[in-house]
Amino acid sequence: MQTFIHYFLHFGFPVILAYLFFRKNWKKVALILLATMLVDVDHLLATPIFDPNRCSFGFHIFHSYYAIGLYVILLFLKRPYNIIGLGLLLHMLTDFIDCLFMYNACNSCLENAPAKGLLESISKLFF
């Protein structure tokens, strides 16, 4: 279920949002939102490139708290920058939800995760 939710939030949800809120230009907006998946290029800088037990939220440079702050600022700029900011924040939220799934399945797996404190706090609220 975690994998389905992760990929739906990355690929399906942006298309649905584009269609519901940007109906006039929904295809263009959907492509912009999907293009924000390129933010995962920062995974290429990690060793190993892919680790199924690694929480990318707060770990990779484009998934850092500083980067997320910049993505929030993009929301207040003109189009297409606000749509790019929205896509990037949706991406971060999706990765954070994935981290919550991982944390609740295996607390010790994320012992050294940069977002461990945040994951613990949110997890206590919902689980």
N, C-alpha and C. Protein backbone atom coordinates (compact mmCIF):
# COMPACT_ATOMS: atom_id res chain seq x y z
N MET A 1 0.82 -1.19 0.00
CA MET A 1 0.00 0.00 0.00
C MET A 1 0.87 1.26 0.00
N GLN A 2 2.00 1.21 0.72
CA GLN A 2 2.90 2.37 0.79
C GLN A 2 3.39 2.75 -0.61
N THR A 3 3.77 1.77 -1.40
CA THR A 3 4.28 2.03 -2.75
C THR A 3 3.20 2.64 -3.62
N PHE A 4 1.99 2.11 -3.55
CA PHE A 4 0.88 2.65 -4.34
C PHE A 4 0.61 4.10 -3.97
N ILE A 5 0.52 4.38 -2.68
CA ILE A 5 0.25 5.76 -2.22
C ILE A 5 1.37 6.69 -2.66
N HIS A 6 2.61 6.25 -2.53
CA HIS A 6 3.76 7.07 -2.91
C HIS A 6 3.69 7.47 -4.38
N TYR A 7 3.51 6.49 -5.25
CA TYR A 7 3.50 6.79 -6.68
C TYR A 7 2.23 7.49 -7.13
N PHE A 8 1.11 7.21 -6.48
CA PHE A 8 -0.11 7.95 -6.80
C PHE A 8 0.06 9.43 -6.45
N LEU A 9 0.63 9.72 -5.28
CA LEU A 9 0.83 11.11 -4.89
C LEU A 9 1.86 11.81 -5.78
N HIS A 10 2.82 11.08 -6.31
CA HIS A 10 3.80 11.68 -7.21
C HIS A 10 3.26 11.89 -8.62
N PHE A 11 2.45 10.96 -9.13
CA PHE A 11 2.05 11.02 -10.53
C PHE A 11 0.55 11.24 -10.76
N GLY A 12 -0.30 10.67 -9.95
CA GLY A 12 -1.74 10.81 -10.15
C GLY A 12 -2.31 12.07 -9.55
N PHE A 13 -1.97 12.35 -8.31
CA PHE A 13 -2.52 13.50 -7.60
C PHE A 13 -2.23 14.83 -8.28
N PRO A 14 -1.01 15.07 -8.80
CA PRO A 14 -0.77 16.34 -9.50
C PRO A 14 -1.66 16.53 -10.72
N VAL A 15 -1.94 15.46 -11.44
CA VAL A 15 -2.82 15.56 -12.61
C VAL A 15 -4.24 15.90 -12.17
N ILE A 16 -4.70 15.26 -11.10
CA ILE A 16 -6.04 15.54 -10.58
C ILE A 16 -6.13 16.99 -10.11
N LEU A 17 -5.12 17.46 -9.37
CA LEU A 17 -5.11 18.86 -8.91
C LEU A 17 -5.13 19.83 -10.09
N ALA A 18 -4.33 19.55 -11.10
CA ALA A 18 -4.29 20.41 -12.28
C ALA A 18 -5.66 20.47 -12.94
N TYR A 19 -6.31 19.33 -13.05
CA TYR A 19 -7.62 19.29 -13.70
C TYR A 19 -8.68 20.02 -12.86
N LEU A 20 -8.65 19.84 -11.56
CA LEU A 20 -9.66 20.46 -10.71
C LEU A 20 -9.50 21.97 -10.55
N PHE A 21 -8.25 22.44 -10.44
CA PHE A 21 -8.03 23.85 -10.10
C PHE A 21 -7.50 24.71 -11.25
N PHE A 22 -7.05 24.09 -12.32
CA PHE A 22 -6.52 24.85 -13.45
C PHE A 22 -7.14 24.31 -14.74
N ARG A 23 -8.45 24.16 -14.74
CA ARG A 23 -9.13 23.45 -15.82
C ARG A 23 -8.82 24.04 -17.20
N LYS A 24 -8.67 25.34 -17.30
CA LYS A 24 -8.43 25.97 -18.60
C LYS A 24 -7.10 25.52 -19.20
N ASN A 25 -6.07 25.39 -18.37
CA ASN A 25 -4.73 24.99 -18.81
C ASN A 25 -4.25 23.74 -18.08
N TRP A 26 -5.14 22.83 -17.79
CA TRP A 26 -4.80 21.73 -16.90
C TRP A 26 -3.68 20.85 -17.42
N LYS A 27 -3.60 20.65 -18.75
CA LYS A 27 -2.55 19.79 -19.29
C LYS A 27 -1.17 20.42 -19.09
N LYS A 28 -1.07 21.72 -19.34
CA LYS A 28 0.21 22.43 -19.16
C LYS A 28 0.61 22.43 -17.68
N VAL A 29 -0.35 22.71 -16.81
CA VAL A 29 -0.09 22.72 -15.37
C VAL A 29 0.31 21.33 -14.89
N ALA A 30 -0.38 20.32 -15.39
CA ALA A 30 -0.05 18.93 -15.01
C ALA A 30 1.38 18.59 -15.42
N LEU A 31 1.79 19.02 -16.60
CA LEU A 31 3.16 18.75 -17.05
C LEU A 31 4.18 19.47 -16.17
N ILE A 32 3.87 20.69 -15.77
CA ILE A 32 4.78 21.43 -14.88
C ILE A 32 4.88 20.72 -13.54
N LEU A 33 3.73 20.33 -12.99
CA LEU A 33 3.74 19.63 -11.70
C LEU A 33 4.51 18.31 -11.80
N LEU A 34 4.32 17.58 -12.87
CA LEU A 34 5.04 16.32 -13.04
C LEU A 34 6.53 16.55 -13.27
N ALA A 35 6.87 17.67 -13.91
CA ALA A 35 8.28 17.98 -14.16
C ALA A 35 9.04 18.25 -12.87
N THR A 36 8.32 18.62 -11.82
CA THR A 36 9.01 18.87 -10.55
C THR A 36 9.57 17.58 -9.95
N MET A 37 9.25 16.45 -10.55
CA MET A 37 9.86 15.18 -10.13
C MET A 37 11.37 15.20 -10.38
N LEU A 38 11.81 16.10 -11.24
CA LEU A 38 13.25 16.22 -11.52
C LEU A 38 14.04 16.62 -10.28
N VAL A 39 13.35 17.07 -9.25
CA VAL A 39 14.02 17.42 -8.00
C VAL A 39 14.74 16.20 -7.42
N ASP A 40 14.35 15.02 -7.83
CA ASP A 40 14.99 13.79 -7.35
C ASP A 40 16.37 13.58 -7.94
N VAL A 41 16.82 14.48 -8.79
CA VAL A 41 18.17 14.37 -9.34
C VAL A 41 19.22 14.39 -8.21
N ASP A 42 18.85 14.99 -7.08
CA ASP A 42 19.80 15.04 -5.96
C ASP A 42 20.08 13.66 -5.36
N HIS A 43 19.26 12.68 -5.69
CA HIS A 43 19.51 11.32 -5.22
C HIS A 43 20.80 10.77 -5.85
N LEU A 44 21.16 11.30 -7.00
CA LEU A 44 22.38 10.84 -7.69
C LEU A 44 23.65 11.22 -6.93
N LEU A 45 23.54 12.17 -6.01
CA LEU A 45 24.69 12.61 -5.23
C LEU A 45 24.91 11.76 -3.98
N ALA A 46 23.97 10.90 -3.67
CA ALA A 46 24.05 10.08 -2.45
C ALA A 46 24.74 8.74 -2.74
N THR A 47 25.32 8.18 -1.70
CA THR A 47 25.92 6.85 -1.81
C THR A 47 25.30 5.97 -0.74
N PRO A 48 24.61 4.93 -1.09
CA PRO A 48 24.26 4.52 -2.44
C PRO A 48 23.18 5.43 -3.02
N ILE A 49 23.01 5.41 -4.32
CA ILE A 49 22.02 6.27 -4.97
C ILE A 49 20.63 5.96 -4.46
N PHE A 50 20.31 4.69 -4.31
CA PHE A 50 19.00 4.28 -3.80
C PHE A 50 19.18 3.43 -2.56
N ASP A 51 18.50 3.80 -1.52
CA ASP A 51 18.47 3.01 -0.29
C ASP A 51 17.02 2.94 0.16
N PRO A 52 16.40 1.77 0.12
CA PRO A 52 14.98 1.66 0.45
C PRO A 52 14.65 2.06 1.89
N ASN A 53 15.64 2.06 2.77
CA ASN A 53 15.40 2.43 4.17
C ASN A 53 15.84 3.85 4.49
N ARG A 54 16.09 4.66 3.46
CA ARG A 54 16.52 6.04 3.70
C ARG A 54 15.35 6.99 3.47
N CYS A 55 15.18 7.88 4.41
CA CYS A 55 14.17 8.92 4.30
C CYS A 55 14.80 10.09 3.55
N SER A 56 14.30 10.38 2.36
CA SER A 56 14.92 11.44 1.55
C SER A 56 14.58 12.83 2.08
N PHE A 57 13.51 12.95 2.83
CA PHE A 57 13.09 14.24 3.39
C PHE A 57 14.14 14.71 4.39
N GLY A 58 14.77 15.82 4.09
CA GLY A 58 15.79 16.36 4.97
C GLY A 58 17.18 15.78 4.73
N PHE A 59 17.29 14.74 3.90
CA PHE A 59 18.58 14.09 3.66
C PHE A 59 19.28 14.67 2.43
N HIS A 60 18.58 14.67 1.31
CA HIS A 60 19.15 15.16 0.05
C HIS A 60 19.08 16.68 -0.01
N ILE A 61 19.99 17.29 -0.78
CA ILE A 61 20.10 18.75 -0.80
C ILE A 61 18.81 19.44 -1.27
N PHE A 62 18.15 18.91 -2.29
CA PHE A 62 16.91 19.53 -2.77
C PHE A 62 15.69 19.11 -1.95
N HIS A 63 15.92 18.26 -0.95
CA HIS A 63 14.87 17.83 -0.02
C HIS A 63 15.14 18.39 1.38
N SER A 64 16.04 19.35 1.47
CA SER A 64 16.44 19.93 2.76
C SER A 64 15.43 20.98 3.22
N TYR A 65 15.51 21.33 4.49
CA TYR A 65 14.61 22.34 5.03
C TYR A 65 14.85 23.70 4.36
N TYR A 66 16.09 24.00 4.02
CA TYR A 66 16.39 25.27 3.33
C TYR A 66 15.74 25.30 1.95
N ALA A 67 15.86 24.19 1.23
CA ALA A 67 15.25 24.11 -0.10
C ALA A 67 13.73 24.24 0.01
N ILE A 68 13.15 23.61 1.01
CA ILE A 68 11.69 23.69 1.20
C ILE A 68 11.28 25.12 1.47
N GLY A 69 12.09 25.86 2.21
CA GLY A 69 11.82 27.29 2.43
C GLY A 69 11.78 28.05 1.11
N LEU A 70 12.69 27.74 0.20
CA LEU A 70 12.68 28.39 -1.12
C LEU A 70 11.44 28.00 -1.92
N TYR A 71 11.00 26.75 -1.77
CA TYR A 71 9.80 26.30 -2.49
C TYR A 71 8.57 27.05 -1.99
N VAL A 72 8.53 27.35 -0.71
CA VAL A 72 7.41 28.13 -0.15
C VAL A 72 7.42 29.54 -0.76
N ILE A 73 8.60 30.14 -0.88
CA ILE A 73 8.71 31.47 -1.48
C ILE A 73 8.20 31.46 -2.92
N LEU A 74 8.47 30.38 -3.65
CA LEU A 74 8.00 30.28 -5.04
C LEU A 74 6.48 30.40 -5.14
N LEU A 75 5.77 29.96 -4.11
CA LEU A 75 4.30 30.04 -4.12
C LEU A 75 3.79 31.47 -4.30
N PHE A 76 4.59 32.45 -3.87
CA PHE A 76 4.15 33.84 -3.89
C PHE A 76 4.60 34.59 -5.14
N LEU A 77 5.24 33.90 -6.06
CA LEU A 77 5.68 34.52 -7.31
C LEU A 77 4.63 34.27 -8.39
N LYS A 78 4.83 34.91 -9.54
CA LYS A 78 3.89 34.74 -10.66
C LYS A 78 4.07 33.39 -11.31
N ARG A 79 3.05 33.03 -12.09
CA ARG A 79 3.08 31.80 -12.86
C ARG A 79 4.24 31.83 -13.84
N PRO A 80 4.94 30.79 -14.08
CA PRO A 80 4.74 29.41 -13.65
C PRO A 80 5.47 29.07 -12.36
N TYR A 81 6.16 30.07 -11.76
CA TYR A 81 6.96 29.79 -10.57
C TYR A 81 6.11 29.30 -9.39
N ASN A 82 4.90 29.86 -9.24
CA ASN A 82 4.05 29.40 -8.15
C ASN A 82 3.59 27.95 -8.36
N ILE A 83 3.40 27.57 -9.60
CA ILE A 83 3.00 26.19 -9.89
C ILE A 83 4.19 25.26 -9.65
N ILE A 84 5.39 25.71 -10.01
CA ILE A 84 6.59 24.93 -9.73
C ILE A 84 6.76 24.76 -8.22
N GLY A 85 6.56 25.84 -7.47
CA GLY A 85 6.64 25.76 -6.01
C GLY A 85 5.62 24.78 -5.45
N LEU A 86 4.41 24.84 -5.98
CA LEU A 86 3.36 23.91 -5.54
C LEU A 86 3.78 22.47 -5.81
N GLY A 87 4.29 22.21 -6.99
CA GLY A 87 4.72 20.85 -7.34
C GLY A 87 5.85 20.37 -6.45
N LEU A 88 6.80 21.25 -6.18
CA LEU A 88 7.92 20.86 -5.32
C LEU A 88 7.47 20.59 -3.89
N LEU A 89 6.53 21.40 -3.40
CA LEU A 89 6.02 21.17 -2.04
C LEU A 89 5.18 19.89 -1.97
N LEU A 90 4.42 19.61 -3.03
CA LEU A 90 3.68 18.35 -3.06
C LEU A 90 4.65 17.17 -3.07
N HIS A 91 5.74 17.32 -3.78
CA HIS A 91 6.76 16.28 -3.81
C HIS A 91 7.35 16.05 -2.41
N MET A 92 7.66 17.14 -1.72
CA MET A 92 8.21 17.03 -0.36
C MET A 92 7.20 16.38 0.59
N LEU A 93 5.93 16.77 0.46
CA LEU A 93 4.89 16.17 1.30
C LEU A 93 4.77 14.68 1.03
N THR A 94 4.82 14.30 -0.23
CA THR A 94 4.76 12.88 -0.59
C THR A 94 5.92 12.11 0.01
N ASP A 95 7.12 12.68 -0.11
CA ASP A 95 8.29 11.99 0.46
C ASP A 95 8.22 11.94 1.98
N PHE A 96 7.66 12.98 2.59
CA PHE A 96 7.51 12.97 4.04
C PHE A 96 6.51 11.90 4.47
N ILE A 97 5.41 11.76 3.74
CA ILE A 97 4.43 10.72 4.04
C ILE A 97 5.08 9.34 3.91
N ASP A 98 5.92 9.19 2.90
CA ASP A 98 6.64 7.93 2.72
C ASP A 98 7.56 7.66 3.92
N CYS A 99 8.20 8.72 4.42
CA CYS A 99 9.05 8.58 5.60
C CYS A 99 8.23 8.17 6.83
N LEU A 100 7.02 8.71 6.95
CA LEU A 100 6.15 8.32 8.07
C LEU A 100 5.81 6.83 8.00
N PHE A 101 5.51 6.35 6.79
CA PHE A 101 5.26 4.92 6.62
C PHE A 101 6.48 4.12 7.08
N MET A 102 7.66 4.53 6.63
CA MET A 102 8.89 3.81 7.00
C MET A 102 9.13 3.86 8.50
N TYR A 103 8.96 5.04 9.07
CA TYR A 103 9.22 5.21 10.50
C TYR A 103 8.29 4.34 11.33
N ASN A 104 7.02 4.28 10.97
CA ASN A 104 6.07 3.49 11.74
C ASN A 104 6.28 1.99 11.55
N ALA A 105 6.88 1.59 10.44
CA ALA A 105 7.17 0.18 10.21
C ALA A 105 8.46 -0.24 10.91
N CYS A 106 9.41 0.70 11.04
CA CYS A 106 10.72 0.34 11.59
C CYS A 106 11.37 1.59 12.18
N ASN A 107 11.12 1.85 13.45
CA ASN A 107 11.68 3.04 14.11
C ASN A 107 13.19 3.10 14.02
N SER A 108 13.84 1.97 14.19
CA SER A 108 15.31 1.95 14.20
C SER A 108 15.91 2.20 12.82
N CYS A 109 15.13 1.97 11.76
CA CYS A 109 15.64 2.19 10.40
C CYS A 109 15.96 3.66 10.16
N LEU A 110 15.29 4.54 10.85
CA LEU A 110 15.47 5.98 10.64
C LEU A 110 16.17 6.64 11.82
N GLU A 111 16.95 5.86 12.55
CA GLU A 111 17.63 6.38 13.74
C GLU A 111 18.50 7.59 13.43
N ASN A 112 19.16 7.60 12.27
CA ASN A 112 20.05 8.71 11.90
C ASN A 112 19.42 9.65 10.88
N ALA A 113 18.13 9.55 10.65
CA ALA A 113 17.45 10.41 9.66
C ALA A 113 17.42 11.85 10.16
N PRO A 114 17.74 12.81 9.28
CA PRO A 114 17.69 14.22 9.68
C PRO A 114 16.31 14.66 10.16
N ALA A 115 15.28 14.00 9.65
CA ALA A 115 13.91 14.39 10.00
C ALA A 115 13.34 13.56 11.13
N LYS A 116 14.18 12.83 11.86
CA LYS A 116 13.69 11.91 12.90
C LYS A 116 12.81 12.60 13.94
N GLY A 117 13.23 13.76 14.42
CA GLY A 117 12.44 14.48 15.42
C GLY A 117 11.07 14.86 14.89
N LEU A 118 11.04 15.36 13.67
CA LEU A 118 9.77 15.74 13.04
C LEU A 118 8.90 14.50 12.82
N LEU A 119 9.49 13.41 12.37
CA LEU A 119 8.75 12.17 12.16
C LEU A 119 8.15 11.66 13.46
N GLU A 120 8.92 11.73 14.55
CA GLU A 120 8.41 11.29 15.86
C GLU A 120 7.22 12.14 16.29
N SER A 121 7.34 13.45 16.14
CA SER A 121 6.27 14.36 16.55
C SER A 121 4.99 14.13 15.76
N ILE A 122 5.11 14.05 14.45
CA ILE A 122 3.93 13.83 13.60
C ILE A 122 3.34 12.45 13.85
N SER A 123 4.19 11.47 14.01
CA SER A 123 3.74 10.11 14.25
C SER A 123 2.91 10.02 15.53
N LYS A 124 3.34 10.74 16.57
CA LYS A 124 2.59 10.74 17.84
C LYS A 124 1.20 11.36 17.67
N LEU A 125 1.08 12.33 16.77
CA LEU A 125 -0.21 12.97 16.54
C LEU A 125 -1.21 12.05 15.85
N PHE A 126 -0.72 11.24 14.93
CA PHE A 126 -1.64 10.45 14.10
C PHE A 126 -1.72 8.97 14.44
N PHE A 127 -0.69 8.43 15.08
CA PHE A 127 -0.69 6.98 15.29
C PHE A 127 -0.65 6.61 16.74
